Amino acid sequence: METTNATELRKNLKRKLDTVSKDRETLIIHRSGEEDIVMLPISEYNSWKETMYLLSTRANRKNLEKSIEQAENGDTVRIEIDKLWK
C-alpha cells in the first residue's frame, strides 16, 4: 500500500493511476487537515461492496458460514451446469 499527498498526486497522476489500476495497488492520499482518501481499482471496490452486502444481515452471514463449513467438510453436491435450469 502506497501513501502520497495531493501535491505529489497532481505531479504524478498518470503514473499513480496506472499503479493502482495495473498493479492492483491501493493508494492512500494524505490530505493536510482533512480525512485521508483511499484510491483503489473499481473491481476491488465493487468486490468490497458485494461482500458488505452479503454480510449485512445475520441470516446471510449464517448461511455463508454454513456453506463454508459444508465445503470444508466435503459436504457438497456436483451439478452439471446444463442441468441447473431444468
PDB file of N, CA and C in Angstrom:
ATOM      1  N   MET A   1       0.847  -1.165   0.000  1.00  0.00           N
ATOM      2  CA  MET A   1       0.000   0.000   0.000  1.00  0.00           C
ATOM      3  C   MET A   1       0.898   1.235   0.000  1.00  0.00           C
ATOM      4  N   GLU A   2       0.666   2.085  -0.955  1.00  0.00           N
ATOM      5  CA  GLU A   2       1.478   3.294  -1.110  1.00  0.00           C
ATOM      6  C   GLU A   2       0.737   4.483  -0.515  1.00  0.00           C
ATOM      7  N   THR A   3       1.493   5.442  -0.022  1.00  0.00           N
ATOM      8  CA  THR A   3       0.916   6.675   0.514  1.00  0.00           C
ATOM      9  C   THR A   3       1.516   7.852  -0.232  1.00  0.00           C
ATOM     10  N   THR A   4       0.683   8.840  -0.510  1.00  0.00           N
ATOM     11  CA  THR A   4       1.144  10.056  -1.172  1.00  0.00           C
ATOM     12  C   THR A   4       0.331  11.221  -0.621  1.00  0.00           C
ATOM     13  N   ASN A   5       0.622  12.411  -1.110  1.00  0.00           N
ATOM     14  CA  ASN A   5      -0.193  13.565  -0.737  1.00  0.00           C
ATOM     15  C   ASN A   5      -0.757  14.189  -2.010  1.00  0.00           C
ATOM     16  N   ALA A   6      -1.637  15.145  -1.852  1.00  0.00           N
ATOM     17  CA  ALA A   6      -2.322  15.732  -3.003  1.00  0.00           C
ATOM     18  C   ALA A   6      -1.348  16.380  -3.983  1.00  0.00           C
ATOM     19  N   THR A   7      -0.326  17.043  -3.476  1.00  0.00           N
ATOM     20  CA  THR A   7       0.650  17.699  -4.349  1.00  0.00           C
ATOM     21  C   THR A   7       1.390  16.680  -5.205  1.00  0.00           C
ATOM     22  N   GLU A   8       1.891  15.619  -4.577  1.00  0.00           N
ATOM     23  CA  GLU A   8       2.605  14.575  -5.325  1.00  0.00           C
ATOM     24  C   GLU A   8       1.665  13.848  -6.284  1.00  0.00           C
ATOM     25  N   LEU A   9       0.421  13.665  -5.881  1.00  0.00           N
ATOM     26  CA  LEU A   9      -0.551  13.017  -6.759  1.00  0.00           C
ATOM     27  C   LEU A   9      -0.759  13.843  -8.026  1.00  0.00           C
ATOM     28  N   ARG A  10      -0.892  15.152  -7.866  1.00  0.00           N
ATOM     29  CA  ARG A  10      -1.061  16.019  -9.045  1.00  0.00           C
ATOM     30  C   ARG A  10       0.150  15.934  -9.969  1.00  0.00           C
ATOM     31  N   LYS A  11       1.351  15.906  -9.402  1.00  0.00           N
ATOM     32  CA  LYS A  11       2.573  15.852 -10.206  1.00  0.00           C
ATOM     33  C   LYS A  11       2.707  14.532 -10.964  1.00  0.00           C
ATOM     34  N   ASN A  12       2.207  13.458 -10.389  1.00  0.00           N
ATOM     35  CA  ASN A  12       2.417  12.115 -10.945  1.00  0.00           C
ATOM     36  C   ASN A  12       1.104  11.368 -11.167  1.00  0.00           C
ATOM     37  N   LEU A  13       0.072  12.077 -11.568  1.00  0.00           N
ATOM     38  CA  LEU A  13      -1.262  11.481 -11.626  1.00  0.00           C
ATOM     39  C   LEU A  13      -1.325  10.240 -12.507  1.00  0.00           C
ATOM     40  N   LYS A  14      -0.825  10.317 -13.739  1.00  0.00           N
ATOM     41  CA  LYS A  14      -0.920   9.168 -14.640  1.00  0.00           C
ATOM     42  C   LYS A  14      -0.191   7.959 -14.072  1.00  0.00           C
ATOM     43  N   ARG A  15       1.008   8.154 -13.573  1.00  0.00           N
ATOM     44  CA  ARG A  15       1.782   7.045 -13.011  1.00  0.00           C
ATOM     45  C   ARG A  15       1.071   6.436 -11.808  1.00  0.00           C
ATOM     46  N   LYS A  16       0.514   7.282 -10.955  1.00  0.00           N
ATOM     47  CA  LYS A  16      -0.200   6.788  -9.772  1.00  0.00           C
ATOM     48  C   LYS A  16      -1.451   6.014 -10.183  1.00  0.00           C
ATOM     49  N   LEU A  17      -2.198   6.544 -11.150  1.00  0.00           N
ATOM     50  CA  LEU A  17      -3.399   5.848 -11.626  1.00  0.00           C
ATOM     51  C   LEU A  17      -3.037   4.504 -12.244  1.00  0.00           C
ATOM     52  N   ASP A  18      -1.966   4.480 -13.019  1.00  0.00           N
ATOM     53  CA  ASP A  18      -1.519   3.222 -13.630  1.00  0.00           C
ATOM     54  C   ASP A  18      -1.120   2.199 -12.565  1.00  0.00           C
ATOM     55  N   THR A  19      -0.442   2.660 -11.524  1.00  0.00           N
ATOM     56  CA  THR A  19      -0.039   1.760 -10.446  1.00  0.00           C
ATOM     57  C   THR A  19      -1.262   1.152  -9.770  1.00  0.00           C
ATOM     58  N   VAL A  20      -2.247   1.976  -9.486  1.00  0.00           N
ATOM     59  CA  VAL A  20      -3.472   1.483  -8.855  1.00  0.00           C
ATOM     60  C   VAL A  20      -4.178   0.502  -9.778  1.00  0.00           C
ATOM     61  N   SER A  21      -4.301   0.861 -11.036  1.00  0.00           N
ATOM     62  CA  SER A  21      -5.053   0.044 -11.991  1.00  0.00           C
ATOM     63  C   SER A  21      -4.327  -1.236 -12.393  1.00  0.00           C
ATOM     64  N   LYS A  22      -3.106  -1.105 -12.845  1.00  0.00           N
ATOM     65  CA  LYS A  22      -2.380  -2.258 -13.397  1.00  0.00           C
ATOM     66  C   LYS A  22      -1.805  -3.176 -12.328  1.00  0.00           C
ATOM     67  N   ASP A  23      -1.313  -2.590 -11.236  1.00  0.00           N
ATOM     68  CA  ASP A  23      -0.665  -3.383 -10.191  1.00  0.00           C
ATOM     69  C   ASP A  23      -1.618  -3.763  -9.064  1.00  0.00           C
ATOM     70  N   ARG A  24      -2.904  -3.354  -9.194  1.00  0.00           N
ATOM     71  CA  ARG A  24      -3.911  -3.663  -8.170  1.00  0.00           C
ATOM     72  C   ARG A  24      -3.478  -3.129  -6.808  1.00  0.00           C
ATOM     73  N   GLU A  25      -2.827  -1.983  -6.816  1.00  0.00           N
ATOM     74  CA  GLU A  25      -2.261  -1.382  -5.610  1.00  0.00           C
ATOM     75  C   GLU A  25      -3.240  -0.357  -5.032  1.00  0.00           C
ATOM     76  N   THR A  26      -3.389  -0.359  -3.721  1.00  0.00           N
ATOM     77  CA  THR A  26      -4.198   0.648  -3.040  1.00  0.00           C
ATOM     78  C   THR A  26      -3.323   1.864  -2.760  1.00  0.00           C
ATOM     79  N   LEU A  27      -3.873   3.049  -2.969  1.00  0.00           N
ATOM     80  CA  LEU A  27      -3.133   4.288  -2.750  1.00  0.00           C
ATOM     81  C   LEU A  27      -3.851   5.107  -1.686  1.00  0.00           C
ATOM     82  N   ILE A  28      -3.129   5.475  -0.643  1.00  0.00           N
ATOM     83  CA  ILE A  28      -3.659   6.352   0.403  1.00  0.00           C
ATOM     84  C   ILE A  28      -3.194   7.763   0.080  1.00  0.00           C
ATOM     85  N   ILE A  29      -4.133   8.689   0.005  1.00  0.00           N
ATOM     86  CA  ILE A  29      -3.806  10.084  -0.291  1.00  0.00           C
ATOM     87  C   ILE A  29      -4.015  10.887   0.990  1.00  0.00           C
ATOM     88  N   HIS A  30      -2.911  11.363   1.548  1.00  0.00           N
ATOM     89  CA  HIS A  30      -2.956  12.155   2.780  1.00  0.00           C
ATOM     90  C   HIS A  30      -3.335  13.584   2.430  1.00  0.00           C
ATOM     91  N   ARG A  31      -4.320  14.103   3.156  1.00  0.00           N
ATOM     92  CA  ARG A  31      -4.768  15.478   2.945  1.00  0.00           C
ATOM     93  C   ARG A  31      -4.605  16.237   4.251  1.00  0.00           C
ATOM     94  N   SER A  32      -3.762  17.231   4.244  1.00  0.00           N
ATOM     95  CA  SER A  32      -3.471  18.003   5.445  1.00  0.00           C
ATOM     96  C   SER A  32      -4.749  18.649   5.986  1.00  0.00           C
ATOM     97  N   GLY A  33      -5.074  18.330   7.218  1.00  0.00           N
ATOM     98  CA  GLY A  33      -6.247  18.923   7.853  1.00  0.00           C
ATOM     99  C   GLY A  33      -7.567  18.310   7.425  1.00  0.00           C
ATOM    100  N   GLU A  34      -7.528  17.324   6.553  1.00  0.00           N
ATOM    101  CA  GLU A  34      -8.747  16.660   6.062  1.00  0.00           C
ATOM    102  C   GLU A  34      -8.580  15.155   6.210  1.00  0.00           C
ATOM    103  N   GLU A  35      -9.671  14.440   6.062  1.00  0.00           N
ATOM    104  CA  GLU A  35      -9.607  12.981   6.122  1.00  0.00           C
ATOM    105  C   GLU A  35      -8.853  12.440   4.910  1.00  0.00           C
ATOM    106  N   ASP A  36      -8.019  11.436   5.133  1.00  0.00           N
ATOM    107  CA  ASP A  36      -7.292  10.802   4.033  1.00  0.00           C
ATOM    108  C   ASP A  36      -8.271  10.095   3.102  1.00  0.00           C
ATOM    109  N   ILE A  37      -7.825   9.872   1.879  1.00  0.00           N
ATOM    110  CA  ILE A  37      -8.631   9.238   0.836  1.00  0.00           C
ATOM    111  C   ILE A  37      -7.947   7.944   0.405  1.00  0.00           C
ATOM    112  N   VAL A  38      -8.750   6.943   0.089  1.00  0.00           N
ATOM    113  CA  VAL A  38      -8.234   5.677  -0.434  1.00  0.00           C
ATOM    114  C   VAL A  38      -8.604   5.583  -1.903  1.00  0.00           C
ATOM    115  N   MET A  39      -7.613   5.304  -2.748  1.00  0.00           N
ATOM    116  CA  MET A  39      -7.852   5.087  -4.172  1.00  0.00           C
ATOM    117  C   MET A  39      -7.562   3.619  -4.461  1.00  0.00           C
ATOM    118  N   LEU A  40      -8.528   2.942  -5.092  1.00  0.00           N
ATOM    119  CA  LEU A  40      -8.343   1.539  -5.434  1.00  0.00           C
ATOM    120  C   LEU A  40      -9.096   1.242  -6.718  1.00  0.00           C
ATOM    121  N   PRO A  41      -8.751   0.136  -7.391  1.00  0.00           N
ATOM    122  CA  PRO A  41      -9.430  -0.213  -8.636  1.00  0.00           C
ATOM    123  C   PRO A  41     -10.923  -0.435  -8.395  1.00  0.00           C
ATOM    124  N   ILE A  42     -11.752  -0.077  -9.368  1.00  0.00           N
ATOM    125  CA  ILE A  42     -13.200  -0.199  -9.235  1.00  0.00           C
ATOM    126  C   ILE A  42     -13.614  -1.645  -8.984  1.00  0.00           C
ATOM    127  N   SER A  43     -12.914  -2.595  -9.579  1.00  0.00           N
ATOM    128  CA  SER A  43     -13.267  -4.002  -9.356  1.00  0.00           C
ATOM    129  C   SER A  43     -13.066  -4.385  -7.890  1.00  0.00           C
ATOM    130  N   GLU A  44     -12.027  -3.849  -7.274  1.00  0.00           N
ATOM    131  CA  GLU A  44     -11.781  -4.095  -5.849  1.00  0.00           C
ATOM    132  C   GLU A  44     -12.874  -3.457  -5.001  1.00  0.00           C
ATOM    133  N   TYR A  45     -13.235  -2.231  -5.343  1.00  0.00           N
ATOM    134  CA  TYR A  45     -14.312  -1.527  -4.635  1.00  0.00           C
ATOM    135  C   TYR A  45     -15.620  -2.304  -4.746  1.00  0.00           C
ATOM    136  N   ASN A  46     -15.950  -2.741  -5.963  1.00  0.00           N
ATOM    137  CA  ASN A  46     -17.189  -3.499  -6.168  1.00  0.00           C
ATOM    138  C   ASN A  46     -17.180  -4.798  -5.370  1.00  0.00           C
ATOM    139  N   SER A  47     -16.044  -5.439  -5.296  1.00  0.00           N
ATOM    140  CA  SER A  47     -15.918  -6.666  -4.519  1.00  0.00           C
ATOM    141  C   SER A  47     -16.177  -6.397  -3.036  1.00  0.00           C
ATOM    142  N   TRP A  48     -15.628  -5.317  -2.518  1.00  0.00           N
ATOM    143  CA  TRP A  48     -15.854  -4.950  -1.118  1.00  0.00           C
ATOM    144  C   TRP A  48     -17.321  -4.656  -0.867  1.00  0.00           C
ATOM    145  N   LYS A  49     -17.946  -3.922  -1.799  1.00  0.00           N
ATOM    146  CA  LYS A  49     -19.369  -3.589  -1.646  1.00  0.00           C
ATOM    147  C   LYS A  49     -20.216  -4.858  -1.633  1.00  0.00           C
ATOM    148  N   GLU A  50     -19.917  -5.790  -2.519  1.00  0.00           N
ATOM    149  CA  GLU A  50     -20.666  -7.042  -2.573  1.00  0.00           C
ATOM    150  C   GLU A  50     -20.492  -7.829  -1.275  1.00  0.00           C
ATOM    151  N   THR A  51     -19.271  -7.884  -0.773  1.00  0.00           N
ATOM    152  CA  THR A  51     -19.015  -8.584   0.483  1.00  0.00           C
ATOM    153  C   THR A  51     -19.782  -7.933   1.630  1.00  0.00           C
ATOM    154  N   MET A  52     -19.773  -6.614   1.691  1.00  0.00           N
ATOM    155  CA  MET A  52     -20.512  -5.918   2.747  1.00  0.00           C
ATOM    156  C   MET A  52     -22.003  -6.218   2.645  1.00  0.00           C
ATOM    157  N   TYR A  53     -22.524  -6.264   1.423  1.00  0.00           N
ATOM    158  CA  TYR A  53     -23.939  -6.589   1.231  1.00  0.00           C
ATOM    159  C   TYR A  53     -24.227  -8.014   1.708  1.00  0.00           C
ATOM    160  N   LEU A  54     -23.391  -8.960   1.304  1.00  0.00           N
ATOM    161  CA  LEU A  54     -23.613 -10.353   1.680  1.00  0.00           C
ATOM    162  C   LEU A  54     -23.538 -10.562   3.192  1.00  0.00           C
ATOM    163  N   LEU A  55     -22.741  -9.757   3.862  1.00  0.00           N
ATOM    164  CA  LEU A  55     -22.593  -9.885   5.310  1.00  0.00           C
ATOM    165  C   LEU A  55     -23.494  -8.924   6.090  1.00  0.00           C
ATOM    166  N   SER A  56     -24.377  -8.219   5.392  1.00  0.00           N
ATOM    167  CA  SER A  56     -25.160  -7.154   6.022  1.00  0.00           C
ATOM    168  C   SER A  56     -26.274  -7.654   6.933  1.00  0.00           C
ATOM    169  N   THR A  57     -26.716  -8.890   6.746  1.00  0.00           N
ATOM    170  CA  THR A  57     -27.762  -9.411   7.621  1.00  0.00           C
ATOM    171  C   THR A  57     -27.261 -10.661   8.335  1.00  0.00           C
ATOM    172  N   ARG A  58     -27.827 -10.889   9.494  1.00  0.00           N
ATOM    173  CA  ARG A  58     -27.430 -12.059  10.284  1.00  0.00           C
ATOM    174  C   ARG A  58     -27.745 -13.347   9.530  1.00  0.00           C
ATOM    175  N   ALA A  59     -28.908 -13.388   8.865  1.00  0.00           N
ATOM    176  CA  ALA A  59     -29.308 -14.590   8.120  1.00  0.00           C
ATOM    177  C   ALA A  59     -28.309 -14.904   7.006  1.00  0.00           C
ATOM    178  N   ASN A  60     -27.884 -13.884   6.267  1.00  0.00           N
ATOM    179  CA  ASN A  60     -26.894 -14.099   5.200  1.00  0.00           C
ATOM    180  C   ASN A  60     -25.579 -14.611   5.770  1.00  0.00           C
ATOM    181  N   ARG A  61     -25.130 -14.003   6.866  1.00  0.00           N
ATOM    182  CA  ARG A  61     -23.865 -14.434   7.482  1.00  0.00           C
ATOM    183  C   ARG A  61     -23.940 -15.894   7.911  1.00  0.00           C
ATOM    184  N   LYS A  62     -25.060 -16.281   8.521  1.00  0.00           N
ATOM    185  CA  LYS A  62     -25.214 -17.666   8.971  1.00  0.00           C
ATOM    186  C   LYS A  62     -25.223 -18.631   7.785  1.00  0.00           C
ATOM    187  N   ASN A  63     -25.925 -18.270   6.703  1.00  0.00           N
ATOM    188  CA  ASN A  63     -25.953 -19.121   5.508  1.00  0.00           C
ATOM    189  C   ASN A  63     -24.567 -19.268   4.897  1.00  0.00           C
ATOM    190  N   LEU A  64     -23.823 -18.171   4.834  1.00  0.00           N
ATOM    191  CA  LEU A  64     -22.466 -18.229   4.288  1.00  0.00           C
ATOM    192  C   LEU A  64     -21.555 -19.079   5.168  1.00  0.00           C
ATOM    193  N   GLU A  65     -21.648 -18.903   6.475  1.00  0.00           N
ATOM    194  CA  GLU A  65     -20.834 -19.709   7.395  1.00  0.00           C
ATOM    195  C   GLU A  65     -21.155 -21.194   7.241  1.00  0.00           C
ATOM    196  N   LYS A  66     -22.442 -21.516   7.119  1.00  0.00           N
ATOM    197  CA  LYS A  66     -22.856 -22.909   6.939  1.00  0.00           C
ATOM    198  C   LYS A  66     -22.307 -23.467   5.628  1.00  0.00           C
ATOM    199  N   SER A  67     -22.388 -22.679   4.561  1.00  0.00           N
ATOM    200  CA  SER A  67     -21.881 -23.117   3.254  1.00  0.00           C
ATOM    201  C   SER A  67     -20.379 -23.346   3.283  1.00  0.00           C
ATOM    202  N   ILE A  68     -19.655 -22.456   3.934  1.00  0.00           N
ATOM    203  CA  ILE A  68     -18.199 -22.607   4.046  1.00  0.00           C
ATOM    204  C   ILE A  68     -17.866 -23.873   4.824  1.00  0.00           C
ATOM    205  N   GLU A  69     -18.579 -24.097   5.922  1.00  0.00           N
ATOM    206  CA  GLU A  69     -18.349 -25.301   6.724  1.00  0.00           C
ATOM    207  C   GLU A  69     -18.628 -26.562   5.906  1.00  0.00           C
ATOM    208  N   GLN A  70     -19.722 -26.563   5.142  1.00  0.00           N
ATOM    209  CA  GLN A  70     -20.051 -27.717   4.303  1.00  0.00           C
ATOM    210  C   GLN A  70     -18.957 -27.960   3.266  1.00  0.00           C
ATOM    211  N   ALA A  71     -18.489 -26.896   2.638  1.00  0.00           N
ATOM    212  CA  ALA A  71     -17.440 -27.032   1.620  1.00  0.00           C
ATOM    213  C   ALA A  71     -16.149 -27.568   2.240  1.00  0.00           C
ATOM    214  N   GLU A  72     -15.793 -27.058   3.412  1.00  0.00           N
ATOM    215  CA  GLU A  72     -14.574 -27.520   4.086  1.00  0.00           C
ATOM    216  C   GLU A  72     -14.668 -28.991   4.493  1.00  0.00           C
ATOM    217  N   ASN A  73     -15.883 -29.459   4.774  1.00  0.00           N
ATOM    218  CA  ASN A  73     -16.095 -30.853   5.174  1.00  0.00           C
ATOM    219  C   ASN A  73     -16.356 -31.771   3.985  1.00  0.00           C
ATOM    220  N   GLY A  74     -16.319 -31.208   2.778  1.00  0.00           N
ATOM    221  CA  GLY A  74     -16.562 -32.016   1.585  1.00  0.00           C
ATOM    222  C   GLY A  74     -18.021 -32.383   1.397  1.00  0.00           C
ATOM    223  N   ASP A  75     -18.903 -31.717   2.105  1.00  0.00           N
ATOM    224  CA  ASP A  75     -20.342 -31.979   2.024  1.00  0.00           C
ATOM    225  C   ASP A  75     -20.943 -31.125   0.905  1.00  0.00           C
ATOM    226  N   THR A  76     -20.600 -31.480  -0.330  1.00  0.00           N
ATOM    227  CA  THR A  76     -21.059 -30.714  -1.488  1.00  0.00           C
ATOM    228  C   THR A  76     -21.753 -31.633  -2.482  1.00  0.00           C
ATOM    229  N   VAL A  77     -22.489 -31.026  -3.390  1.00  0.00           N
ATOM    230  CA  VAL A  77     -23.190 -31.761  -4.438  1.00  0.00           C
ATOM    231  C   VAL A  77     -22.725 -31.205  -5.772  1.00  0.00           C
ATOM    232  N   ARG A  78     -22.367 -32.102  -6.687  1.00  0.00           N
ATOM    233  CA  ARG A  78     -21.926 -31.675  -8.015  1.00  0.00           C
ATOM    234  C   ARG A  78     -23.140 -31.663  -8.941  1.00  0.00           C
ATOM    235  N   ILE A  79     -23.359 -30.539  -9.612  1.00  0.00           N
ATOM    236  CA  ILE A  79     -24.465 -30.388 -10.556  1.00  0.00           C
ATOM    237  C   ILE A  79     -23.888 -29.911 -11.880  1.00  0.00           C
ATOM    238  N   GLU A  80     -24.215 -30.609 -12.951  1.00  0.00           N
ATOM    239  CA  GLU A  80     -23.785 -30.182 -14.282  1.00  0.00           C
ATOM    240  C   GLU A  80     -24.519 -28.890 -14.630  1.00  0.00           C
ATOM    241  N   ILE A  81     -23.808 -27.953 -15.197  1.00  0.00           N
ATOM    242  CA  ILE A  81     -24.387 -26.638 -15.459  1.00  0.00           C
ATOM    243  C   ILE A  81     -25.580 -26.703 -16.411  1.00  0.00           C
ATOM    244  N   ASP A  82     -25.535 -27.614 -17.390  1.00  0.00           N
ATOM    245  CA  ASP A  82     -26.653 -27.696 -18.333  1.00  0.00           C
ATOM    246  C   ASP A  82     -27.914 -28.266 -17.676  1.00  0.00           C
ATOM    247  N   LYS A  83     -27.797 -28.885 -16.514  1.00  0.00           N
ATOM    248  CA  LYS A  83     -28.953 -29.427 -15.796  1.00  0.00           C
ATOM    249  C   LYS A  83     -29.443 -28.479 -14.702  1.00  0.00           C
ATOM    250  N   LEU A  84     -28.761 -27.392 -14.537  1.00  0.00           N
ATOM    251  CA  LEU A  84     -29.062 -26.471 -13.450  1.00  0.00           C
ATOM    252  C   LEU A  84     -30.440 -25.834 -13.588  1.00  0.00           C
ATOM    253  N   TRP A  85     -30.843 -25.494 -14.804  1.00  0.00           N
ATOM    254  CA  TRP A  85     -32.107 -24.806 -15.013  1.00  0.00           C
ATOM    255  C   TRP A  85     -33.201 -25.715 -15.557  1.00  0.00           C
ATOM    256  N   LYS A  86     -33.034 -27.012 -15.446  1.00  0.00           N
ATOM    257  CA  LYS A  86     -34.052 -27.942 -15.942  1.00  0.00           C
ATOM    258  C   LYS A  86     -34.998 -28.321 -14.841  1.00  0.00           C
TER     259      LYS A  86
END
